Amino acid sequence: MTNLFFITSLTEAWKPTNGLIYCLLVIGAFLFAGVALSIFTFYEDCYWGDEAYRKYLKDGKKKSAKV
């Protein structure tokens, strides 16, 4: 009888606890914020603050573009 109860409990839908859902939400928020911060700091350091690099990207590999 115990085995039957165990088998039927495995076939039911598993509902995670609210704590687990909130924990996954917080982890996802930190991951999303980390990616956004990484992208922002790249553009701030390597693009907006570097005029020669922007000119190089704008002009391409022309001889007038000097880095």
PDB file of N, CA and C in Angstrom:
ATOM      1  N   MET A   1       0.825  -1.197   0.000  1.00  0.00           N
ATOM      2  CA  MET A   1       0.000   0.000   0.000  1.00  0.00           C
ATOM      3  C   MET A   1       0.872   1.266   0.000  1.00  0.00           C
ATOM      4  N   THR A   2       1.983   1.202   0.693  1.00  0.00           N
ATOM      5  CA  THR A   2       2.874   2.355   0.747  1.00  0.00           C
ATOM      6  C   THR A   2       3.461   2.638  -0.632  1.00  0.00           C
ATOM      7  N   ASN A   3       3.799   1.587  -1.366  1.00  0.00           N
ATOM      8  CA  ASN A   3       4.342   1.773  -2.716  1.00  0.00           C
ATOM      9  C   ASN A   3       3.325   2.392  -3.644  1.00  0.00           C
ATOM     10  N   LEU A   4       2.051   2.009  -3.497  1.00  0.00           N
ATOM     11  CA  LEU A   4       1.000   2.580  -4.329  1.00  0.00           C
ATOM     12  C   LEU A   4       0.841   4.070  -4.056  1.00  0.00           C
ATOM     13  N   PHE A   5       0.889   4.445  -2.764  1.00  0.00           N
ATOM     14  CA  PHE A   5       0.792   5.864  -2.412  1.00  0.00           C
ATOM     15  C   PHE A   5       1.975   6.653  -2.975  1.00  0.00           C
ATOM     16  N   PHE A   6       3.170   6.067  -2.923  1.00  0.00           N
ATOM     17  CA  PHE A   6       4.369   6.729  -3.448  1.00  0.00           C
ATOM     18  C   PHE A   6       4.283   6.911  -4.959  1.00  0.00           C
ATOM     19  N   ILE A   7       3.784   5.903  -5.670  1.00  0.00           N
ATOM     20  CA  ILE A   7       3.670   5.987  -7.131  1.00  0.00           C
ATOM     21  C   ILE A   7       2.630   7.022  -7.534  1.00  0.00           C
ATOM     22  N   THR A   8       1.504   7.074  -6.823  1.00  0.00           N
ATOM     23  CA  THR A   8       0.476   8.071  -7.177  1.00  0.00           C
ATOM     24  C   THR A   8       0.932   9.483  -6.844  1.00  0.00           C
ATOM     25  N   SER A   9       1.772   9.638  -5.827  1.00  0.00           N
ATOM     26  CA  SER A   9       2.252  10.980  -5.503  1.00  0.00           C
ATOM     27  C   SER A   9       3.256  11.481  -6.545  1.00  0.00           C
ATOM     28  N   LEU A  10       3.931  10.572  -7.241  1.00  0.00           N
ATOM     29  CA  LEU A  10       4.857  10.977  -8.293  1.00  0.00           C
ATOM     30  C   LEU A  10       4.134  11.457  -9.545  1.00  0.00           C
ATOM     31  N   THR A  11       2.925  10.996  -9.767  1.00  0.00           N
ATOM     32  CA  THR A  11       2.208  11.371 -10.984  1.00  0.00           C
ATOM     33  C   THR A  11       1.482  12.697 -10.846  1.00  0.00           C
ATOM     34  N   GLU A  12       1.374  13.229  -9.647  1.00  0.00           N
ATOM     35  CA  GLU A  12       0.701  14.511  -9.456  1.00  0.00           C
ATOM     36  C   GLU A  12       1.610  15.661  -9.883  1.00  0.00           C
ATOM     37  N   ALA A  13       0.985  16.792 -10.200  1.00  0.00           N
ATOM     38  CA  ALA A  13       1.760  17.969 -10.597  1.00  0.00           C
ATOM     39  C   ALA A  13       2.509  18.529  -9.394  1.00  0.00           C
ATOM     40  N   TRP A  14       3.739  18.934  -9.618  1.00  0.00           N
ATOM     41  CA  TRP A  14       4.548  19.492  -8.546  1.00  0.00           C
ATOM     42  C   TRP A  14       4.439  21.000  -8.581  1.00  0.00           C
ATOM     43  N   LYS A  15       4.018  21.587  -7.469  1.00  0.00           N
ATOM     44  CA  LYS A  15       3.923  23.039  -7.372  1.00  0.00           C
ATOM     45  C   LYS A  15       5.047  23.533  -6.468  1.00  0.00           C
ATOM     46  N   PRO A  16       5.961  24.313  -7.027  1.00  0.00           N
ATOM     47  CA  PRO A  16       7.059  24.825  -6.202  1.00  0.00           C
ATOM     48  C   PRO A  16       6.534  25.814  -5.163  1.00  0.00           C
ATOM     49  N   THR A  17       7.275  25.970  -4.101  1.00  0.00           N
ATOM     50  CA  THR A  17       6.869  26.898  -3.048  1.00  0.00           C
ATOM     51  C   THR A  17       7.062  28.331  -3.507  1.00  0.00           C
ATOM     52  N   ASN A  18       6.392  29.233  -2.836  1.00  0.00           N
ATOM     53  CA  ASN A  18       6.528  30.658  -3.176  1.00  0.00           C
ATOM     54  C   ASN A  18       7.948  31.149  -2.940  1.00  0.00           C
ATOM     55  N   GLY A  19       8.608  30.617  -1.915  1.00  0.00           N
ATOM     56  CA  GLY A  19       9.987  31.010  -1.642  1.00  0.00           C
ATOM     57  C   GLY A  19      10.915  30.668  -2.795  1.00  0.00           C
ATOM     58  N   LEU A  20      10.729  29.478  -3.391  1.00  0.00           N
ATOM     59  CA  LEU A  20      11.555  29.085  -4.528  1.00  0.00           C
ATOM     60  C   LEU A  20      11.286  29.973  -5.739  1.00  0.00           C
ATOM     61  N   ILE A  21      10.041  30.294  -5.958  1.00  0.00           N
ATOM     62  CA  ILE A  21       9.690  31.161  -7.089  1.00  0.00           C
ATOM     63  C   ILE A  21      10.310  32.548  -6.907  1.00  0.00           C
ATOM     64  N   TYR A  22      10.221  33.109  -5.706  1.00  0.00           N
ATOM     65  CA  TYR A  22      10.811  34.423  -5.447  1.00  0.00           C
ATOM     66  C   TYR A  22      12.328  34.383  -5.554  1.00  0.00           C
ATOM     67  N   CYS A  23      12.917  33.288  -5.086  1.00  0.00           N
ATOM     68  CA  CYS A  23      14.369  33.144  -5.177  1.00  0.00           C
ATOM     69  C   CYS A  23      14.813  33.114  -6.642  1.00  0.00           C
ATOM     70  N   LEU A  24      14.112  32.367  -7.473  1.00  0.00           N
ATOM     71  CA  LEU A  24      14.442  32.338  -8.902  1.00  0.00           C
ATOM     72  C   LEU A  24      14.218  33.694  -9.556  1.00  0.00           C
ATOM     73  N   LEU A  25      13.191  34.412  -9.111  1.00  0.00           N
ATOM     74  CA  LEU A  25      12.938  35.751  -9.640  1.00  0.00           C
ATOM     75  C   LEU A  25      14.074  36.704  -9.284  1.00  0.00           C
ATOM     76  N   VAL A  26      14.571  36.634  -8.060  1.00  0.00           N
ATOM     77  CA  VAL A  26      15.669  37.499  -7.631  1.00  0.00           C
ATOM     78  C   VAL A  26      16.952  37.139  -8.377  1.00  0.00           C
ATOM     79  N   ILE A  27      17.229  35.845  -8.530  1.00  0.00           N
ATOM     80  CA  ILE A  27      18.416  35.420  -9.270  1.00  0.00           C
ATOM     81  C   ILE A  27      18.335  35.907 -10.721  1.00  0.00           C
ATOM     82  N   GLY A  28      17.174  35.792 -11.353  1.00  0.00           N
ATOM     83  CA  GLY A  28      16.991  36.274 -12.717  1.00  0.00           C
ATOM     84  C   GLY A  28      17.148  37.783 -12.818  1.00  0.00           C
ATOM     85  N   ALA A  29      16.669  38.491 -11.810  1.00  0.00           N
ATOM     86  CA  ALA A  29      16.806  39.959 -11.820  1.00  0.00           C
ATOM     87  C   ALA A  29      18.264  40.366 -11.714  1.00  0.00           C
ATOM     88  N   PHE A  30      19.020  39.686 -10.830  1.00  0.00           N
ATOM     89  CA  PHE A  30      20.444  39.993 -10.724  1.00  0.00           C
ATOM     90  C   PHE A  30      21.192  39.632 -12.001  1.00  0.00           C
ATOM     91  N   LEU A  31      20.832  38.529 -12.628  1.00  0.00           N
ATOM     92  CA  LEU A  31      21.473  38.143 -13.887  1.00  0.00           C
ATOM     93  C   LEU A  31      21.179  39.173 -14.976  1.00  0.00           C
ATOM     94  N   PHE A  32      19.944  39.589 -15.080  1.00  0.00           N
ATOM     95  CA  PHE A  32      19.554  40.593 -16.075  1.00  0.00           C
ATOM     96  C   PHE A  32      20.265  41.917 -15.814  1.00  0.00           C
ATOM     97  N   ALA A  33      20.332  42.320 -14.545  1.00  0.00           N
ATOM     98  CA  ALA A  33      21.009  43.576 -14.207  1.00  0.00           C
ATOM     99  C   ALA A  33      22.498  43.485 -14.488  1.00  0.00           C
ATOM    100  N   GLY A  34      23.101  42.337 -14.260  1.00  0.00           N
ATOM    101  CA  GLY A  34      24.522  42.168 -14.539  1.00  0.00           C
ATOM    102  C   GLY A  34      24.834  42.278 -16.013  1.00  0.00           C
ATOM    103  N   VAL A  35      23.989  41.680 -16.840  1.00  0.00           N
ATOM    104  CA  VAL A  35      24.197  41.771 -18.288  1.00  0.00           C
ATOM    105  C   VAL A  35      24.002  43.207 -18.763  1.00  0.00           C
ATOM    106  N   ALA A  36      22.963  43.859 -18.261  1.00  0.00           N
ATOM    107  CA  ALA A  36      22.717  45.248 -18.655  1.00  0.00           C
ATOM    108  C   ALA A  36      23.859  46.155 -18.210  1.00  0.00           C
ATOM    109  N   LEU A  37      24.373  45.950 -17.007  1.00  0.00           N
ATOM    110  CA  LEU A  37      25.487  46.761 -16.522  1.00  0.00           C
ATOM    111  C   LEU A  37      26.748  46.506 -17.327  1.00  0.00           C
ATOM    112  N   SER A  38      26.960  45.276 -17.725  1.00  0.00           N
ATOM    113  CA  SER A  38      28.121  44.940 -18.542  1.00  0.00           C
ATOM    114  C   SER A  38      28.049  45.640 -19.893  1.00  0.00           C
ATOM    115  N   ILE A  39      26.896  45.623 -20.512  1.00  0.00           N
ATOM    116  CA  ILE A  39      26.725  46.293 -21.806  1.00  0.00           C
ATOM    117  C   ILE A  39      26.908  47.800 -21.652  1.00  0.00           C
ATOM    118  N   PHE A  40      26.303  48.369 -20.606  1.00  0.00           N
ATOM    119  CA  PHE A  40      26.415  49.813 -20.394  1.00  0.00           C
ATOM    120  C   PHE A  40      27.861  50.240 -20.155  1.00  0.00           C
ATOM    121  N   THR A  41      28.592  49.497 -19.336  1.00  0.00           N
ATOM    122  CA  THR A  41      29.975  49.889 -19.051  1.00  0.00           C
ATOM    123  C   THR A  41      30.867  49.716 -20.273  1.00  0.00           C
ATOM    124  N   PHE A  42      30.567  48.717 -21.119  1.00  0.00           N
ATOM    125  CA  PHE A  42      31.344  48.597 -22.359  1.00  0.00           C
ATOM    126  C   PHE A  42      31.148  49.833 -23.224  1.00  0.00           C
ATOM    127  N   TYR A  43      29.887  50.233 -23.414  1.00  0.00           N
ATOM    128  CA  TYR A  43      29.646  51.396 -24.263  1.00  0.00           C
ATOM    129  C   TYR A  43      30.188  52.672 -23.636  1.00  0.00           C
ATOM    130  N   GLU A  44      30.128  52.770 -22.320  1.00  0.00           N
ATOM    131  CA  GLU A  44      30.641  53.970 -21.676  1.00  0.00           C
ATOM    132  C   GLU A  44      32.162  54.043 -21.792  1.00  0.00           C
ATOM    133  N   ASP A  45      32.846  52.929 -21.562  1.00  0.00           N
ATOM    134  CA  ASP A  45      34.306  52.933 -21.580  1.00  0.00           C
ATOM    135  C   ASP A  45      34.881  52.915 -22.994  1.00  0.00           C
ATOM    136  N   CYS A  46      34.354  52.029 -23.828  1.00  0.00           N
ATOM    137  CA  CYS A  46      34.989  51.767 -25.123  1.00  0.00           C
ATOM    138  C   CYS A  46      34.353  52.530 -26.282  1.00  0.00           C
ATOM    139  N   TYR A  47      33.196  53.098 -26.090  1.00  0.00           N
ATOM    140  CA  TYR A  47      32.550  53.763 -27.221  1.00  0.00           C
ATOM    141  C   TYR A  47      32.367  55.252 -26.958  1.00  0.00           C
ATOM    142  N   TRP A  48      31.606  55.601 -25.926  1.00  0.00           N
ATOM    143  CA  TRP A  48      31.310  57.016 -25.702  1.00  0.00           C
ATOM    144  C   TRP A  48      32.534  57.801 -25.292  1.00  0.00           C
ATOM    145  N   GLY A  49      33.415  57.202 -24.532  1.00  0.00           N
ATOM    146  CA  GLY A  49      34.564  57.940 -24.023  1.00  0.00           C
ATOM    147  C   GLY A  49      35.761  57.947 -24.955  1.00  0.00           C
ATOM    148  N   ASP A  50      35.705  57.215 -26.054  1.00  0.00           N
ATOM    149  CA  ASP A  50      36.861  57.078 -26.939  1.00  0.00           C
ATOM    150  C   ASP A  50      36.495  57.623 -28.317  1.00  0.00           C
ATOM    151  N   GLU A  51      36.845  58.866 -28.533  1.00  0.00           N
ATOM    152  CA  GLU A  51      36.467  59.521 -29.786  1.00  0.00           C
ATOM    153  C   GLU A  51      37.185  58.910 -30.983  1.00  0.00           C
ATOM    154  N   ALA A  52      38.432  58.510 -30.801  1.00  0.00           N
ATOM    155  CA  ALA A  52      39.182  57.903 -31.906  1.00  0.00           C
ATOM    156  C   ALA A  52      38.572  56.567 -32.321  1.00  0.00           C
ATOM    157  N   TYR A  53      38.106  55.807 -31.342  1.00  0.00           N
ATOM    158  CA  TYR A  53      37.473  54.518 -31.647  1.00  0.00           C
ATOM    159  C   TYR A  53      36.159  54.725 -32.406  1.00  0.00           C
ATOM    160  N   ARG A  54      35.367  55.723 -31.989  1.00  0.00           N
ATOM    161  CA  ARG A  54      34.123  56.030 -32.710  1.00  0.00           C
ATOM    162  C   ARG A  54      34.425  56.451 -34.145  1.00  0.00           C
ATOM    163  N   LYS A  55      35.464  57.260 -34.325  1.00  0.00           N
ATOM    164  CA  LYS A  55      35.831  57.691 -35.675  1.00  0.00           C
ATOM    165  C   LYS A  55      36.289  56.501 -36.505  1.00  0.00           C
ATOM    166  N   TYR A  56      37.035  55.581 -35.876  1.00  0.00           N
ATOM    167  CA  TYR A  56      37.481  54.385 -36.582  1.00  0.00           C
ATOM    168  C   TYR A  56      36.286  53.522 -37.008  1.00  0.00           C
ATOM    169  N   LEU A  57      35.300  53.369 -36.129  1.00  0.00           N
ATOM    170  CA  LEU A  57      34.113  52.591 -36.487  1.00  0.00           C
ATOM    171  C   LEU A  57      33.296  53.290 -37.567  1.00  0.00           C
ATOM    172  N   LYS A  58      33.251  54.610 -37.502  1.00  0.00           N
ATOM    173  CA  LYS A  58      32.472  55.369 -38.473  1.00  0.00           C
ATOM    174  C   LYS A  58      33.109  55.328 -39.855  1.00  0.00           C
ATOM    175  N   ASP A  59      34.425  55.518 -39.921  1.00  0.00           N
ATOM    176  CA  ASP A  59      35.109  55.586 -41.204  1.00  0.00           C
ATOM    177  C   ASP A  59      35.496  54.222 -41.752  1.00  0.00           C
ATOM    178  N   GLY A  60      35.569  53.229 -40.906  1.00  0.00           N
ATOM    179  CA  GLY A  60      35.969  51.913 -41.363  1.00  0.00           C
ATOM    180  C   GLY A  60      37.477  51.812 -41.484  1.00  0.00           C
ATOM    181  N   LYS A  61      37.922  51.062 -42.481  1.00  0.00           N
ATOM    182  CA  LYS A  61      39.355  50.834 -42.638  1.00  0.00           C
ATOM    183  C   LYS A  61      39.963  51.773 -43.673  1.00  0.00           C
ATOM    184  N   LYS A  62      39.461  52.979 -43.711  1.00  0.00           N
ATOM    185  CA  LYS A  62      40.038  53.971 -44.621  1.00  0.00           C
ATOM    186  C   LYS A  62      41.367  54.450 -44.049  1.00  0.00           C
ATOM    187  N   LYS A  63      42.189  54.978 -44.903  1.00  0.00           N
ATOM    188  CA  LYS A  63      43.494  55.459 -44.446  1.00  0.00           C
ATOM    189  C   LYS A  63      43.361  56.725 -43.615  1.00  0.00           C
ATOM    190  N   SER A  64      42.222  57.432 -43.758  1.00  0.00           N
ATOM    191  CA  SER A  64      42.063  58.660 -42.995  1.00  0.00           C
ATOM    192  C   SER A  64      41.696  58.387 -41.538  1.00  0.00           C
ATOM    193  N   ALA A  65      41.277  57.159 -41.254  1.00  0.00           N
ATOM    194  CA  ALA A  65      40.920  56.806 -39.878  1.00  0.00           C
ATOM    195  C   ALA A  65      42.153  56.344 -39.128  1.00  0.00           C
ATOM    196  N   LYS A  66      42.642  57.182 -38.271  1.00  0.00           N
ATOM    197  CA  LYS A  66      43.844  56.834 -37.509  1.00  0.00           C
ATOM    198  C   LYS A  66      43.470  56.665 -36.058  1.00  0.00           C
ATOM    199  N   VAL A  67      43.913  55.557 -35.488  1.00  0.00           N
ATOM    200  CA  VAL A  67      43.588  55.275 -34.085  1.00  0.00           C
ATOM    201  C   VAL A  67      44.708  55.751 -33.202  1.00  0.00           C
TER     202      VAL A  67
END
